[in-house]
Amino acid sequence: MTRVLVITACLSGGLAGLAGALEVMGLKGYVTTDLSPGYGYSGIVVAMLAGLHPAGVVLAALFVACIFVGADGMSRALGVPSFIADVIVALSLLAMLVALLLATYRVRR
């Protein structure tokens, strides 16, 4: 492991700990069960949709954000359950993974 990697890991861990401490010391002053709304899982989906490419992360994050915001608006306006966004994001991730699988393991005659 290089020195830059260790320093980067320590800095990111320290900043994450600081963010968690500020969240707990915020309005309520204690840890609640709804502390983490699942942003980590959304980040993993965005990274997978982007193909782990830094420039693709911007487009994938915009895509996922539009889906979640659109589903929230549809939920308020039409009464559609907002969980439809999770289904759409999951289907798009599965479609991307199937396309990657077919491109990688192409059947040859």
PDB file of N, CA and C in Angstrom:
ATOM      1  N   MET A   1       0.848  -1.177   0.000  1.00  0.00           N
ATOM      2  CA  MET A   1       0.000   0.000   0.000  1.00  0.00           C
ATOM      3  C   MET A   1       0.891   1.237   0.000  1.00  0.00           C
ATOM      4  N   THR A   2       0.487   2.187  -0.794  1.00  0.00           N
ATOM      5  CA  THR A   2       1.269   3.412  -0.869  1.00  0.00           C
ATOM      6  C   THR A   2       0.875   4.368   0.243  1.00  0.00           C
ATOM      7  N   ARG A   3       1.727   5.328   0.462  1.00  0.00           N
ATOM      8  CA  ARG A   3       1.476   6.316   1.513  1.00  0.00           C
ATOM      9  C   ARG A   3       0.252   7.167   1.183  1.00  0.00           C
ATOM     10  N   VAL A   4       0.085   7.485  -0.094  1.00  0.00           N
ATOM     11  CA  VAL A   4      -1.066   8.304  -0.509  1.00  0.00           C
ATOM     12  C   VAL A   4      -2.368   7.569  -0.222  1.00  0.00           C
ATOM     13  N   LEU A   5      -2.390   6.267  -0.449  1.00  0.00           N
ATOM     14  CA  LEU A   5      -3.594   5.481  -0.189  1.00  0.00           C
ATOM     15  C   LEU A   5      -3.941   5.472   1.296  1.00  0.00           C
ATOM     16  N   VAL A   6      -2.950   5.314   2.136  1.00  0.00           N
ATOM     17  CA  VAL A   6      -3.185   5.295   3.584  1.00  0.00           C
ATOM     18  C   VAL A   6      -3.666   6.659   4.065  1.00  0.00           C
ATOM     19  N   ILE A   7      -3.038   7.723   3.589  1.00  0.00           N
ATOM     20  CA  ILE A   7      -3.451   9.076   3.990  1.00  0.00           C
ATOM     21  C   ILE A   7      -4.869   9.364   3.516  1.00  0.00           C
ATOM     22  N   THR A   8      -5.182   8.964   2.285  1.00  0.00           N
ATOM     23  CA  THR A   8      -6.530   9.181   1.751  1.00  0.00           C
ATOM     24  C   THR A   8      -7.573   8.412   2.555  1.00  0.00           C
ATOM     25  N   ALA A   9      -7.282   7.164   2.898  1.00  0.00           N
ATOM     26  CA  ALA A   9      -8.219   6.369   3.692  1.00  0.00           C
ATOM     27  C   ALA A   9      -8.420   6.972   5.077  1.00  0.00           C
ATOM     28  N   CYS A  10      -7.342   7.443   5.693  1.00  0.00           N
ATOM     29  CA  CYS A  10      -7.465   8.060   7.022  1.00  0.00           C
ATOM     30  C   CYS A  10      -8.257   9.359   6.965  1.00  0.00           C
ATOM     31  N   LEU A  11      -7.995  10.175   5.956  1.00  0.00           N
ATOM     32  CA  LEU A  11      -8.740  11.434   5.819  1.00  0.00           C
ATOM     33  C   LEU A  11     -10.216  11.185   5.547  1.00  0.00           C
ATOM     34  N   SER A  12     -10.530  10.254   4.651  1.00  0.00           N
ATOM     35  CA  SER A  12     -11.938  10.002   4.345  1.00  0.00           C
ATOM     36  C   SER A  12     -12.657   9.393   5.544  1.00  0.00           C
ATOM     37  N   GLY A  13     -11.997   8.505   6.272  1.00  0.00           N
ATOM     38  CA  GLY A  13     -12.606   7.949   7.477  1.00  0.00           C
ATOM     39  C   GLY A  13     -12.826   8.999   8.547  1.00  0.00           C
ATOM     40  N   GLY A  14     -11.854   9.904   8.702  1.00  0.00           N
ATOM     41  CA  GLY A  14     -12.004  10.986   9.675  1.00  0.00           C
ATOM     42  C   GLY A  14     -13.126  11.935   9.315  1.00  0.00           C
ATOM     43  N   LEU A  15     -13.237  12.264   8.028  1.00  0.00           N
ATOM     44  CA  LEU A  15     -14.321  13.151   7.594  1.00  0.00           C
ATOM     45  C   LEU A  15     -15.680  12.479   7.739  1.00  0.00           C
ATOM     46  N   ALA A  16     -15.752  11.173   7.458  1.00  0.00           N
ATOM     47  CA  ALA A  16     -17.014  10.452   7.643  1.00  0.00           C
ATOM     48  C   ALA A  16     -17.396  10.408   9.120  1.00  0.00           C
ATOM     49  N   GLY A  17     -16.415  10.195   9.986  1.00  0.00           N
ATOM     50  CA  GLY A  17     -16.691  10.208  11.425  1.00  0.00           C
ATOM     51  C   GLY A  17     -17.137  11.569  11.910  1.00  0.00           C
ATOM     52  N   LEU A  18     -16.511  12.615  11.387  1.00  0.00           N
ATOM     53  CA  LEU A  18     -16.906  13.978  11.747  1.00  0.00           C
ATOM     54  C   LEU A  18     -18.324  14.278  11.283  1.00  0.00           C
ATOM     55  N   ALA A  19     -18.662  13.831  10.076  1.00  0.00           N
ATOM     56  CA  ALA A  19     -20.023  14.040   9.573  1.00  0.00           C
ATOM     57  C   ALA A  19     -21.036  13.291  10.428  1.00  0.00           C
ATOM     58  N   GLY A  20     -20.706  12.065  10.832  1.00  0.00           N
ATOM     59  CA  GLY A  20     -21.604  11.306  11.701  1.00  0.00           C
ATOM     60  C   GLY A  20     -21.770  11.952  13.065  1.00  0.00           C
ATOM     61  N   ALA A  21     -20.673  12.469  13.612  1.00  0.00           N
ATOM     62  CA  ALA A  21     -20.752  13.140  14.911  1.00  0.00           C
ATOM     63  C   ALA A  21     -21.602  14.397  14.826  1.00  0.00           C
ATOM     64  N   LEU A  22     -21.437  15.157  13.760  1.00  0.00           N
ATOM     65  CA  LEU A  22     -22.251  16.367  13.592  1.00  0.00           C
ATOM     66  C   LEU A  22     -23.722  16.029  13.396  1.00  0.00           C
ATOM     67  N   GLU A  23     -23.995  14.921  12.726  1.00  0.00           N
ATOM     68  CA  GLU A  23     -25.384  14.495  12.534  1.00  0.00           C
ATOM     69  C   GLU A  23     -26.021  14.124  13.871  1.00  0.00           C
ATOM     70  N   VAL A  24     -25.284  13.414  14.704  1.00  0.00           N
ATOM     71  CA  VAL A  24     -25.817  13.003  16.006  1.00  0.00           C
ATOM     72  C   VAL A  24     -25.955  14.200  16.938  1.00  0.00           C
ATOM     73  N   MET A  25     -24.997  15.134  16.896  1.00  0.00           N
ATOM     74  CA  MET A  25     -25.048  16.296  17.787  1.00  0.00           C
ATOM     75  C   MET A  25     -25.976  17.389  17.267  1.00  0.00           C
ATOM     76  N   GLY A  26     -26.636  17.145  16.157  1.00  0.00           N
ATOM     77  CA  GLY A  26     -27.477  18.157  15.526  1.00  0.00           C
ATOM     78  C   GLY A  26     -28.737  18.465  16.297  1.00  0.00           C
ATOM     79  N   LEU A  27     -29.866  18.337  15.654  1.00  0.00           N
ATOM     80  CA  LEU A  27     -31.141  18.743  16.232  1.00  0.00           C
ATOM     81  C   LEU A  27     -31.573  17.879  17.413  1.00  0.00           C
ATOM     82  N   LYS A  28     -31.452  16.565  17.281  1.00  0.00           N
ATOM     83  CA  LYS A  28     -31.990  15.683  18.314  1.00  0.00           C
ATOM     84  C   LYS A  28     -31.003  15.405  19.436  1.00  0.00           C
ATOM     85  N   GLY A  29     -29.738  15.295  19.122  1.00  0.00           N
ATOM     86  CA  GLY A  29     -28.737  15.035  20.141  1.00  0.00           C
ATOM     87  C   GLY A  29     -28.561  13.573  20.482  1.00  0.00           C
ATOM     88  N   TYR A  30     -29.207  12.678  19.754  1.00  0.00           N
ATOM     89  CA  TYR A  30     -29.054  11.244  19.978  1.00  0.00           C
ATOM     90  C   TYR A  30     -29.254  10.520  18.648  1.00  0.00           C
ATOM     91  N   VAL A  31     -28.829   9.272  18.608  1.00  0.00           N
ATOM     92  CA  VAL A  31     -28.933   8.472  17.392  1.00  0.00           C
ATOM     93  C   VAL A  31     -30.359   7.954  17.250  1.00  0.00           C
ATOM     94  N   THR A  32     -30.916   8.093  16.066  1.00  0.00           N
ATOM     95  CA  THR A  32     -32.254   7.581  15.782  1.00  0.00           C
ATOM     96  C   THR A  32     -32.149   6.420  14.799  1.00  0.00           C
ATOM     97  N   THR A  33     -33.229   5.683  14.662  1.00  0.00           N
ATOM     98  CA  THR A  33     -33.215   4.546  13.740  1.00  0.00           C
ATOM     99  C   THR A  33     -33.250   4.989  12.289  1.00  0.00           C
ATOM    100  N   ASP A  34     -33.698   6.194  12.022  1.00  0.00           N
ATOM    101  CA  ASP A  34     -33.743   6.689  10.643  1.00  0.00           C
ATOM    102  C   ASP A  34     -32.561   7.606  10.339  1.00  0.00           C
ATOM    103  N   LEU A  35     -31.428   7.349  10.982  1.00  0.00           N
ATOM    104  CA  LEU A  35     -30.249   8.181  10.784  1.00  0.00           C
ATOM    105  C   LEU A  35     -29.730   8.077   9.357  1.00  0.00           C
ATOM    106  N   SER A  36     -29.656   6.871   8.825  1.00  0.00           N
ATOM    107  CA  SER A  36     -29.133   6.664   7.480  1.00  0.00           C
ATOM    108  C   SER A  36     -30.268   6.272   6.543  1.00  0.00           C
ATOM    109  N   PRO A  37     -30.628   7.141   5.612  1.00  0.00           N
ATOM    110  CA  PRO A  37     -31.719   6.813   4.697  1.00  0.00           C
ATOM    111  C   PRO A  37     -31.294   5.930   3.534  1.00  0.00           C
ATOM    112  N   GLY A  38     -30.106   5.369   3.540  1.00  0.00           N
ATOM    113  CA  GLY A  38     -29.685   4.459   2.484  1.00  0.00           C
ATOM    114  C   GLY A  38     -28.894   5.102   1.369  1.00  0.00           C
ATOM    115  N   TYR A  39     -28.225   6.208   1.653  1.00  0.00           N
ATOM    116  CA  TYR A  39     -27.442   6.876   0.615  1.00  0.00           C
ATOM    117  C   TYR A  39     -26.268   6.022   0.149  1.00  0.00           C
ATOM    118  N   GLY A  40     -25.756   5.184   1.018  1.00  0.00           N
ATOM    119  CA  GLY A  40     -24.642   4.319   0.635  1.00  0.00           C
ATOM    120  C   GLY A  40     -25.041   3.337  -0.447  1.00  0.00           C
ATOM    121  N   TYR A  41     -26.228   2.763  -0.312  1.00  0.00           N
ATOM    122  CA  TYR A  41     -26.712   1.831  -1.323  1.00  0.00           C
ATOM    123  C   TYR A  41     -26.998   2.552  -2.635  1.00  0.00           C
ATOM    124  N   SER A  42     -27.512   3.754  -2.560  1.00  0.00           N
ATOM    125  CA  SER A  42     -27.724   4.532  -3.786  1.00  0.00           C
ATOM    126  C   SER A  42     -26.394   4.850  -4.453  1.00  0.00           C
ATOM    127  N   GLY A  43     -25.379   5.111  -3.654  1.00  0.00           N
ATOM    128  CA  GLY A  43     -24.053   5.378  -4.209  1.00  0.00           C
ATOM    129  C   GLY A  43     -23.476   4.168  -4.917  1.00  0.00           C
ATOM    130  N   ILE A  44     -23.713   2.985  -4.367  1.00  0.00           N
ATOM    131  CA  ILE A  44     -23.243   1.761  -5.018  1.00  0.00           C
ATOM    132  C   ILE A  44     -23.953   1.567  -6.349  1.00  0.00           C
ATOM    133  N   VAL A  45     -25.260   1.811  -6.384  1.00  0.00           N
ATOM    134  CA  VAL A  45     -26.018   1.681  -7.629  1.00  0.00           C
ATOM    135  C   VAL A  45     -25.527   2.684  -8.661  1.00  0.00           C
ATOM    136  N   VAL A  46     -25.277   3.922  -8.236  1.00  0.00           N
ATOM    137  CA  VAL A  46     -24.778   4.945  -9.157  1.00  0.00           C
ATOM    138  C   VAL A  46     -23.421   4.536  -9.714  1.00  0.00           C
ATOM    139  N   ALA A  47     -22.551   4.021  -8.864  1.00  0.00           N
ATOM    140  CA  ALA A  47     -21.224   3.595  -9.327  1.00  0.00           C
ATOM    141  C   ALA A  47     -21.329   2.436 -10.308  1.00  0.00           C
ATOM    142  N   MET A  48     -22.235   1.506 -10.055  1.00  0.00           N
ATOM    143  CA  MET A  48     -22.401   0.377 -10.974  1.00  0.00           C
ATOM    144  C   MET A  48     -23.007   0.825 -12.295  1.00  0.00           C
ATOM    145  N   LEU A  49     -23.993   1.722 -12.245  1.00  0.00           N
ATOM    146  CA  LEU A  49     -24.574   2.229 -13.489  1.00  0.00           C
ATOM    147  C   LEU A  49     -23.557   3.023 -14.296  1.00  0.00           C
ATOM    148  N   ALA A  50     -22.635   3.668 -13.617  1.00  0.00           N
ATOM    149  CA  ALA A  50     -21.605   4.451 -14.302  1.00  0.00           C
ATOM    150  C   ALA A  50     -20.482   3.576 -14.822  1.00  0.00           C
ATOM    151  N   GLY A  51     -20.504   2.306 -14.493  1.00  0.00           N
ATOM    152  CA  GLY A  51     -19.430   1.435 -14.930  1.00  0.00           C
ATOM    153  C   GLY A  51     -18.121   1.754 -14.241  1.00  0.00           C
ATOM    154  N   LEU A  52     -18.196   2.294 -13.033  1.00  0.00           N
ATOM    155  CA  LEU A  52     -17.033   2.696 -12.238  1.00  0.00           C
ATOM    156  C   LEU A  52     -16.169   3.721 -12.961  1.00  0.00           C
ATOM    157  N   HIS A  53     -16.782   4.520 -13.818  1.00  0.00           N
ATOM    158  CA  HIS A  53     -16.065   5.575 -14.538  1.00  0.00           C
ATOM    159  C   HIS A  53     -16.415   6.917 -13.899  1.00  0.00           C
ATOM    160  N   PRO A  54     -15.404   7.729 -13.552  1.00  0.00           N
ATOM    161  CA  PRO A  54     -15.676   8.987 -12.845  1.00  0.00           C
ATOM    162  C   PRO A  54     -16.603   9.938 -13.602  1.00  0.00           C
ATOM    163  N   ALA A  55     -16.456  10.028 -14.910  1.00  0.00           N
ATOM    164  CA  ALA A  55     -17.328  10.932 -15.670  1.00  0.00           C
ATOM    165  C   ALA A  55     -18.745  10.380 -15.764  1.00  0.00           C
ATOM    166  N   GLY A  56     -18.879   9.063 -15.783  1.00  0.00           N
ATOM    167  CA  GLY A  56     -20.199   8.462 -15.859  1.00  0.00           C
ATOM    168  C   GLY A  56     -20.977   8.580 -14.573  1.00  0.00           C
ATOM    169  N   VAL A  57     -20.281   8.816 -13.472  1.00  0.00           N
ATOM    170  CA  VAL A  57     -20.959   8.948 -12.181  1.00  0.00           C
ATOM    171  C   VAL A  57     -21.890  10.151 -12.187  1.00  0.00           C
ATOM    172  N   VAL A  58     -21.470  11.218 -12.846  1.00  0.00           N
ATOM    173  CA  VAL A  58     -22.308  12.424 -12.892  1.00  0.00           C
ATOM    174  C   VAL A  58     -23.619  12.119 -13.613  1.00  0.00           C
ATOM    175  N   LEU A  59     -23.528  11.461 -14.757  1.00  0.00           N
ATOM    176  CA  LEU A  59     -24.738  11.135 -15.516  1.00  0.00           C
ATOM    177  C   LEU A  59     -25.601  10.108 -14.787  1.00  0.00           C
ATOM    178  N   ALA A  60     -24.977   9.107 -14.200  1.00  0.00           N
ATOM    179  CA  ALA A  60     -25.742   8.093 -13.474  1.00  0.00           C
ATOM    180  C   ALA A  60     -26.414   8.688 -12.239  1.00  0.00           C
ATOM    181  N   ALA A  61     -25.716   9.579 -11.539  1.00  0.00           N
ATOM    182  CA  ALA A  61     -26.310  10.226 -10.363  1.00  0.00           C
ATOM    183  C   ALA A  61     -27.478  11.111 -10.766  1.00  0.00           C
ATOM    184  N   LEU A  62     -27.341  11.799 -11.884  1.00  0.00           N
ATOM    185  CA  LEU A  62     -28.441  12.628 -12.384  1.00  0.00           C
ATOM    186  C   LEU A  62     -29.638  11.760 -12.763  1.00  0.00           C
ATOM    187  N   PHE A  63     -29.369  10.627 -13.399  1.00  0.00           N
ATOM    188  CA  PHE A  63     -30.430   9.691 -13.778  1.00  0.00           C
ATOM    189  C   PHE A  63     -31.175   9.176 -12.545  1.00  0.00           C
ATOM    190  N   VAL A  64     -30.429   8.717 -11.547  1.00  0.00           N
ATOM    191  CA  VAL A  64     -31.049   8.167 -10.336  1.00  0.00           C
ATOM    192  C   VAL A  64     -31.795   9.258  -9.570  1.00  0.00           C
ATOM    193  N   ALA A  65     -31.225  10.455  -9.500  1.00  0.00           N
ATOM    194  CA  ALA A  65     -31.897  11.562  -8.806  1.00  0.00           C
ATOM    195  C   ALA A  65     -33.195  11.936  -9.504  1.00  0.00           C
ATOM    196  N   CYS A  66     -33.177  11.978 -10.834  1.00  0.00           N
ATOM    197  CA  CYS A  66     -34.409  12.293 -11.577  1.00  0.00           C
ATOM    198  C   CYS A  66     -35.474  11.234 -11.336  1.00  0.00           C
ATOM    199  N   ILE A  67     -35.079   9.987 -11.266  1.00  0.00           N
ATOM    200  CA  ILE A  67     -36.047   8.915 -11.003  1.00  0.00           C
ATOM    201  C   ILE A  67     -36.664   9.081  -9.617  1.00  0.00           C
ATOM    202  N   PHE A  68     -35.827   9.338  -8.604  1.00  0.00           N
ATOM    203  CA  PHE A  68     -36.350   9.471  -7.242  1.00  0.00           C
ATOM    204  C   PHE A  68     -37.220  10.719  -7.085  1.00  0.00           C
ATOM    205  N   VAL A  69     -36.801  11.823  -7.677  1.00  0.00           N
ATOM    206  CA  VAL A  69     -37.602  13.052  -7.587  1.00  0.00           C
ATOM    207  C   VAL A  69     -38.902  12.897  -8.365  1.00  0.00           C
ATOM    208  N   GLY A  70     -38.819  12.277  -9.542  1.00  0.00           N
ATOM    209  CA  GLY A  70     -40.029  12.044 -10.329  1.00  0.00           C
ATOM    210  C   GLY A  70     -41.009  11.125  -9.624  1.00  0.00           C
ATOM    211  N   ALA A  71     -40.500  10.095  -8.979  1.00  0.00           N
ATOM    212  CA  ALA A  71     -41.377   9.177  -8.249  1.00  0.00           C
ATOM    213  C   ALA A  71     -42.020   9.870  -7.057  1.00  0.00           C
ATOM    214  N   ASP A  72     -41.282  10.766  -6.415  1.00  0.00           N
ATOM    215  CA  ASP A  72     -41.851  11.512  -5.295  1.00  0.00           C
ATOM    216  C   ASP A  72     -42.967  12.436  -5.781  1.00  0.00           C
ATOM    217  N   GLY A  73     -42.744  13.094  -6.912  1.00  0.00           N
ATOM    218  CA  GLY A  73     -43.780  13.958  -7.485  1.00  0.00           C
ATOM    219  C   GLY A  73     -45.002  13.169  -7.922  1.00  0.00           C
ATOM    220  N   MET A  74     -44.771  12.005  -8.531  1.00  0.00           N
ATOM    221  CA  MET A  74     -45.899  11.157  -8.938  1.00  0.00           C
ATOM    222  C   MET A  74     -46.663  10.644  -7.728  1.00  0.00           C
ATOM    223  N   SER A  75     -45.945  10.390  -6.648  1.00  0.00           N
ATOM    224  CA  SER A  75     -46.599   9.910  -5.438  1.00  0.00           C
ATOM    225  C   SER A  75     -47.543  10.963  -4.874  1.00  0.00           C
ATOM    226  N   ARG A  76     -47.082  12.213  -4.895  1.00  0.00           N
ATOM    227  CA  ARG A  76     -47.935  13.287  -4.371  1.00  0.00           C
ATOM    228  C   ARG A  76     -49.077  13.622  -5.317  1.00  0.00           C
ATOM    229  N   ALA A  77     -48.816  13.620  -6.617  1.00  0.00           N
ATOM    230  CA  ALA A  77     -49.827  14.063  -7.574  1.00  0.00           C
ATOM    231  C   ALA A  77     -50.833  12.969  -7.920  1.00  0.00           C
ATOM    232  N   LEU A  78     -50.354  11.749  -8.107  1.00  0.00           N
ATOM    233  CA  LEU A  78     -51.225  10.695  -8.614  1.00  0.00           C
ATOM    234  C   LEU A  78     -51.493   9.568  -7.626  1.00  0.00           C
ATOM    235  N   GLY A  79     -50.809   9.585  -6.502  1.00  0.00           N
ATOM    236  CA  GLY A  79     -51.003   8.528  -5.523  1.00  0.00           C
ATOM    237  C   GLY A  79     -50.248   7.246  -5.837  1.00  0.00           C
ATOM    238  N   VAL A  80     -49.311   7.310  -6.782  1.00  0.00           N
ATOM    239  CA  VAL A  80     -48.487   6.146  -7.110  1.00  0.00           C
ATOM    240  C   VAL A  80     -47.496   5.935  -5.966  1.00  0.00           C
ATOM    241  N   PRO A  81     -47.284   4.706  -5.530  1.00  0.00           N
ATOM    242  CA  PRO A  81     -46.310   4.486  -4.450  1.00  0.00           C
ATOM    243  C   PRO A  81     -44.912   4.948  -4.861  1.00  0.00           C
ATOM    244  N   SER A  82     -44.214   5.586  -3.949  1.00  0.00           N
ATOM    245  CA  SER A  82     -42.889   6.109  -4.279  1.00  0.00           C
ATOM    246  C   SER A  82     -41.849   5.004  -4.409  1.00  0.00           C
ATOM    247  N   PHE A  83     -42.194   3.780  -4.018  1.00  0.00           N
ATOM    248  CA  PHE A  83     -41.260   2.663  -4.164  1.00  0.00           C
ATOM    249  C   PHE A  83     -41.081   2.252  -5.619  1.00  0.00           C
ATOM    250  N   ILE A  84     -41.871   2.827  -6.507  1.00  0.00           N
ATOM    251  CA  ILE A  84     -41.697   2.549  -7.932  1.00  0.00           C
ATOM    252  C   ILE A  84     -40.319   3.003  -8.399  1.00  0.00           C
ATOM    253  N   ALA A  85     -39.755   4.009  -7.739  1.00  0.00           N
ATOM    254  CA  ALA A  85     -38.411   4.474  -8.087  1.00  0.00           C
ATOM    255  C   ALA A  85     -37.384   3.384  -7.822  1.00  0.00           C
ATOM    256  N   ASP A  86     -37.525   2.671  -6.715  1.00  0.00           N
ATOM    257  CA  ASP A  86     -36.602   1.577  -6.417  1.00  0.00           C
ATOM    258  C   ASP A  86     -36.695   0.481  -7.474  1.00  0.00           C
ATOM    259  N   VAL A  87     -37.907   0.207  -7.932  1.00  0.00           N
ATOM    260  CA  VAL A  87     -38.100  -0.817  -8.958  1.00  0.00           C
ATOM    261  C   VAL A  87     -37.456  -0.385 -10.270  1.00  0.00           C
ATOM    262  N   ILE A  88     -37.646   0.872 -10.656  1.00  0.00           N
ATOM    263  CA  ILE A  88     -37.078   1.366 -11.912  1.00  0.00           C
ATOM    264  C   ILE A  88     -35.557   1.370 -11.853  1.00  0.00           C
ATOM    265  N   VAL A  89     -34.997   1.815 -10.751  1.00  0.00           N
ATOM    266  CA  VAL A  89     -33.534   1.827 -10.609  1.00  0.00           C
ATOM    267  C   VAL A  89     -32.994   0.401 -10.609  1.00  0.00           C
ATOM    268  N   ALA A  90     -33.671  -0.512  -9.937  1.00  0.00           N
ATOM    269  CA  ALA A  90     -33.219  -1.906  -9.910  1.00  0.00           C
ATOM    270  C   ALA A  90     -33.287  -2.533 -11.295  1.00  0.00           C
ATOM    271  N   LEU A  91     -34.355  -2.256 -12.036  1.00  0.00           N
ATOM    272  CA  LEU A  91     -34.466  -2.800 -13.391  1.00  0.00           C
ATOM    273  C   LEU A  91     -33.405  -2.225 -14.322  1.00  0.00           C
ATOM    274  N   SER A  92     -33.100  -0.946 -14.176  1.00  0.00           N
ATOM    275  CA  SER A  92     -32.056  -0.357 -15.011  1.00  0.00           C
ATOM    276  C   SER A  92     -30.688  -0.931 -14.661  1.00  0.00           C
ATOM    277  N   LEU A  93     -30.449  -1.189 -13.376  1.00  0.00           N
ATOM    278  CA  LEU A  93     -29.188  -1.814 -12.974  1.00  0.00           C
ATOM    279  C   LEU A  93     -29.097  -3.238 -13.505  1.00  0.00           C
ATOM    280  N   LEU A  94     -30.190  -3.989 -13.419  1.00  0.00           N
ATOM    281  CA  LEU A  94     -30.189  -5.346 -13.962  1.00  0.00           C
ATOM    282  C   LEU A  94     -29.982  -5.348 -15.469  1.00  0.00           C
ATOM    283  N   ALA A  95     -30.605  -4.407 -16.177  1.00  0.00           N
ATOM    284  CA  ALA A  95     -30.413  -4.320 -17.629  1.00  0.00           C
ATOM    285  C   ALA A  95     -28.966  -4.014 -17.974  1.00  0.00           C
ATOM    286  N   MET A  96     -28.347  -3.124 -17.215  1.00  0.00           N
ATOM    287  CA  MET A  96     -26.950  -2.795 -17.468  1.00  0.00           C
ATOM    288  C   MET A  96     -26.051  -3.989 -17.173  1.00  0.00           C
ATOM    289  N   LEU A  97     -26.326  -4.722 -16.108  1.00  0.00           N
ATOM    290  CA  LEU A  97     -25.517  -5.886 -15.768  1.00  0.00           C
ATOM    291  C   LEU A  97     -25.688  -7.014 -16.778  1.00  0.00           C
ATOM    292  N   VAL A  98     -26.899  -7.210 -17.288  1.00  0.00           N
ATOM    293  CA  VAL A  98     -27.118  -8.226 -18.319  1.00  0.00           C
ATOM    294  C   VAL A  98     -26.396  -7.840 -19.603  1.00  0.00           C
ATOM    295  N   ALA A  99     -26.442  -6.564 -19.971  1.00  0.00           N
ATOM    296  CA  ALA A  99     -25.719  -6.110 -21.162  1.00  0.00           C
ATOM    297  C   ALA A  99     -24.218  -6.307 -20.997  1.00  0.00           C
ATOM    298  N   LEU A 100     -23.698  -6.024 -19.819  1.00  0.00           N
ATOM    299  CA  LEU A 100     -22.276  -6.240 -19.549  1.00  0.00           C
ATOM    300  C   LEU A 100     -21.930  -7.725 -19.586  1.00  0.00           C
ATOM    301  N   LEU A 101     -22.802  -8.550 -19.050  1.00  0.00           N
ATOM    302  CA  LEU A 101     -22.586  -9.992 -19.069  1.00  0.00           C
ATOM    303  C   LEU A 101     -22.576 -10.525 -20.495  1.00  0.00           C
ATOM    304  N   LEU A 102     -23.528 -10.084 -21.318  1.00  0.00           N
ATOM    305  CA  LEU A 102     -23.582 -10.544 -22.703  1.00  0.00           C
ATOM    306  C   LEU A 102     -22.405 -10.041 -23.517  1.00  0.00           C
ATOM    307  N   ALA A 103     -21.929  -8.849 -23.224  1.00  0.00           N
ATOM    308  CA  ALA A 103     -20.772  -8.321 -23.949  1.00  0.00           C
ATOM    309  C   ALA A 103     -19.485  -9.030 -23.539  1.00  0.00           C
ATOM    310  N   THR A 104     -19.395  -9.424 -22.282  1.00  0.00           N
ATOM    311  CA  THR A 104     -18.181 -10.076 -21.796  1.00  0.00           C
ATOM    312  C   THR A 104     -18.128 -11.546 -22.198  1.00  0.00           C
ATOM    313  N   TYR A 105     -19.229 -12.248 -22.021  1.00  0.00           N
ATOM    314  CA  TYR A 105     -19.275 -13.685 -22.296  1.00  0.00           C
ATOM    315  C   TYR A 105     -20.141 -13.952 -23.516  1.00  0.00           C
ATOM    316  N   ARG A 106     -19.693 -13.479 -24.650  1.00  0.00           N
ATOM    317  CA  ARG A 106     -20.428 -13.658 -25.897  1.00  0.00           C
ATOM    318  C   ARG A 106     -20.279 -15.102 -26.367  1.00  0.00           C
ATOM    319  N   VAL A 107     -21.380 -15.713 -26.794  1.00  0.00           N
ATOM    320  CA  VAL A 107     -21.351 -17.084 -27.293  1.00  0.00           C
ATOM    321  C   VAL A 107     -20.780 -17.063 -28.701  1.00  0.00           C
ATOM    322  N   ARG A 108     -19.752 -17.884 -28.909  1.00  0.00           N
ATOM    323  CA  ARG A 108     -19.115 -17.949 -30.227  1.00  0.00           C
ATOM    324  C   ARG A 108     -19.398 -19.312 -30.841  1.00  0.00           C
ATOM    325  N   ARG A 109     -19.540 -19.317 -32.167  1.00  0.00           N
ATOM    326  CA  ARG A 109     -19.795 -20.575 -32.880  1.00  0.00           C
ATOM    327  C   ARG A 109     -18.520 -21.176 -33.366  1.00  0.00           C
TER     328      ARG A 109
END
